[in-house]
Protein backbone atom coordinates (compact mmCIF):
# COMPACT_ATOMS: atom_id res chain seq x y z
CA MET A 1 -83.15 37.31 22.87
CA LYS A 2 -81.96 36.73 19.48
CA TRP A 3 -82.17 33.11 18.43
CA HIS A 4 -78.45 32.88 17.30
CA THR A 5 -77.20 33.75 21.02
CA LYS A 6 -79.54 31.02 22.61
CA PRO A 7 -77.27 28.07 22.28
CA THR A 8 -74.17 29.98 23.85
CA VAL A 9 -76.56 31.20 26.84
CA PHE A 10 -77.85 27.75 27.51
CA THR A 11 -74.11 26.48 28.06
CA LYS A 12 -73.83 29.08 30.89
CA PRO A 13 -70.36 30.27 30.35
CA ASP A 14 -68.37 32.60 32.61
CA ASN A 15 -67.96 35.24 29.97
CA ILE A 16 -69.70 36.02 26.73
CA ILE A 17 -68.34 38.59 24.23
CA LEU A 18 -70.61 40.26 22.03
CA HIS A 19 -69.12 41.59 18.66
CA PHE A 20 -71.56 43.44 16.23
CA ARG A 21 -70.93 44.37 12.60
CA THR A 22 -72.32 47.12 10.61
CA ASN A 23 -74.79 45.22 8.46
CA SER A 24 -77.92 46.86 9.78
CA ILE A 25 -76.38 50.50 9.85
CA ASN A 26 -77.68 52.64 7.08
CA LYS A 27 -78.12 56.27 6.68
CA ASP A 28 -81.50 56.26 8.28
CA VAL A 29 -80.17 54.60 11.67
CA VAL A 30 -80.24 56.66 14.85
CA PRO A 31 -76.98 55.90 16.94
CA ASP A 32 -78.87 56.06 20.16
CA ILE A 33 -81.61 53.49 19.03
CA VAL A 34 -78.80 51.03 17.77
CA ALA A 35 -76.72 51.41 21.13
CA ASN A 36 -79.58 50.97 23.13
CA ASP A 37 -80.79 47.68 21.28
CA ILE A 38 -77.32 46.37 21.87
CA ILE A 39 -77.23 47.05 25.45
CA LYS A 40 -80.75 45.54 25.89
CA GLU A 41 -79.68 42.48 24.08
CA ALA A 42 -76.51 42.38 26.46
CA LEU A 43 -78.48 42.66 29.47
CA GLU A 44 -80.89 40.03 28.47
CA ILE A 45 -78.16 37.61 27.58
CA GLN A 46 -76.53 38.36 31.19
CA LYS A 47 -79.79 37.91 32.84
CA GLU A 48 -80.53 34.64 31.26
CA SER A 49 -77.14 33.08 31.44
CA GLY A 50 -75.63 34.55 34.64
CA SER A 51 -72.48 35.21 32.69
CA GLN A 52 -70.50 38.39 32.46
CA VAL A 53 -71.18 39.91 29.29
CA MET A 54 -68.75 42.21 27.41
CA ILE A 55 -69.40 44.22 24.33
CA PHE A 56 -66.88 45.05 21.84
CA GLY A 57 -67.70 48.13 19.93
CA ILE A 58 -68.72 47.99 16.39
CA VAL A 59 -65.84 47.83 13.91
CA PRO A 60 -65.07 51.12 12.11
CA ARG A 61 -65.71 51.07 8.44
CA LYS A 62 -64.33 53.34 5.57
CA SER A 63 -67.60 54.68 4.42
CA ASN A 64 -69.83 57.63 4.98
CA LEU A 65 -71.44 55.57 7.80
CA ASN A 66 -68.49 55.73 9.90
CA LYS A 67 -69.66 58.66 11.76
CA LYS A 68 -72.74 56.59 12.92
CA VAL A 69 -70.46 53.93 13.95
CA ILE A 70 -68.36 56.16 15.93
CA GLY A 71 -71.43 57.50 17.54
CA ILE A 72 -72.77 54.33 18.59
CA ASN A 73 -69.48 53.25 19.95
CA LYS A 74 -69.29 56.38 22.09
CA ILE A 75 -72.58 55.75 23.44
CA LEU A 76 -71.92 52.03 24.18
CA LYS A 77 -68.62 53.13 26.04
CA GLU A 78 -70.39 55.80 28.10
CA GLU A 79 -73.40 53.29 29.22
CA CYS A 80 -71.13 50.40 29.69
CA SER A 81 -68.75 52.35 31.97
CA MET A 82 -71.82 53.25 34.35
CA ARG A 83 -72.78 49.63 34.73
C-alpha cells in the first residue's frame, strides 16, 4: 500500500474513493499494467480497511496520451464491473 493512503485506511471509513491523475503516464506506459496496478492498490486498501473502495477513472487530458487514459479507464471499468 502506498504511504499516502495509510492515514485514511487507519481511520477505517465506510467508503474510500480513489482518484488517479496522469502524472506517471507517458508514451512507454502499457494501459493494462497501469490499470492492474490501480486495481491491486484498491484491493489492498479494501482488505486493510474493510471499507468499500471506489475507483474514479483517470481524468482525460488533451494530449497525445489521452488514448492511453481512455484505454486504462476502459480496463478499469471492465475489471471493476466484474467484482
